[in-house]
Amino acid sequence: MHELLFLGHRIPYPPNKGDKIRSWNILKNLTKHFRVHLGCFIDDPEDEKHRPMLEDICESCKFVGLNPPMARLRSLSALISGSPLTLPYFWNADLARWAADLMEQRDIKHIFVFSSSMAQYAAGKKAEQACRVVDFVDIDSDKWRQYAAAKSWPASWIYGREGRKLLEFERKIATASHASLFVSEAEAAMFRDFAPESAEKISALNNGVDFEYFNPAIELESPFSGDGDTMVFTGAMDYWANVDAVNWFAKEVFPGIRDKKPAAEFWIVGARPAVQVTALESLPGVHVTGSVPDVRPYIRHAKIVVAPLRLARGIQNKVLEAMAMARPVVASPEALEGIDTKIGDEIIQADGATEFVQKALTLLDDTDRNLVGERARTRVVSNYGWSSNLEGLKTLLENGRLN
């Protein structure tokens, strides 16, 4: 087996949020074909306990703690250096030495970079001699552009600057790499427009879902007290796009639903809820769970699942998981970007508060709504299995091309 360096901005286990679901499944696949050396950050002390498991499957590991408040302070140095704020945020001299020493001492022929911020550790002569593949996942620079448009000054200026500086960096590393991957063809096509000089090396590697784990046939006890009109949103609740989504839904959409269905409930399920999220519990019918041991019972017993994202990039795992659980989903156009599905047949799309209220009420009253979920699961099983989506990854790392 050849040796491979895997660089990740976050420990790829447990697979309990979007980026970690993707990085874990990729890492697990790569360990079948390569002797993997893993270098990554740990930004949640709870994840420290998962180090031994990763050490068992990898040739070697380098874990570095990341303190978000300190990292934010460190990122301000970019305002002087002219670099993106993201790079000093994810910079660690010890990790850089480990990666450099590894490439000097071992025959590293392949480097897999998960998230553009980690490409700064795959530089230098030795790294240039290896096949370097960067999984951007989403276009991070465009997320900052969206954030800038949604904020007032001075945040709008800072976010706008980050979007411009990060795009410059993304184009630079795409040029230097053998291949650049994105979570969907739509995301890849957008980056080809942003970086035409690297267009031939840009590909899509779709997300998948573990449809045997997210399986509606598994008996799961309901977490709800009754069998009413329950709507559920799942996700990491310290992530701004999710915070924005549930605030908008709870304040602009849910009251319209409660007008017609006074007993309706909106459950926000996810770890580390921000202050803006916990405050929503003061609204009638809104529940915030915080971290739960298993999201599946909430999805399984929801009348409908909602994904009212207004700021989004790439494929939303929360939508795929709800589809795999055969639940009818009402989602914004942004939440459906990159998902190959039949709108109106396998999933319901709603654009704007008025349409969200109408579509949600119609679905809640539809005695055949479960057929939407059943068709959604069929789609997921056909198109979004991790094993089939990752089939070409070994070839990509060996030849620089997906096929």
Foldseek 3Di string as FASTA:
>chain_A
DAEEEEEEAEPLPDCPADLSLQVVLLVVVVLVPHQYEYEYEHADPVCVVCVVVVCVSHNYYHYHYADQVVLQVQLVVCVVVVAASLQSSSDDPVSLVVLVVCLVPGVHQFYEYEALSRCVSQDDDSSLNHQYEYENQALVLVLLCVVLVVDDPPSVVSSPSNSVRVLVSVLVVLVSHLAYEYQFPVRQVVVCVSRVVNNVRYYYQHAFDPLVVLALVDDDDAPDPDQAQEEEEEHAQVDVQNLVQVLCCLPQAVVLLCVVVVQYAYEYEHADHDPSQVVSVVRPRYYYDHHDPDCNNVLSRHQAYEAEGPRATHAGVRVLSSLSNLHEYEYEPRNCPRPPDDDPQQYDYAHDRVRSNVVSNVLSPDPCNSNSSVVSSVSSVVPHHSCVSCVQVVVCSVPSDSD
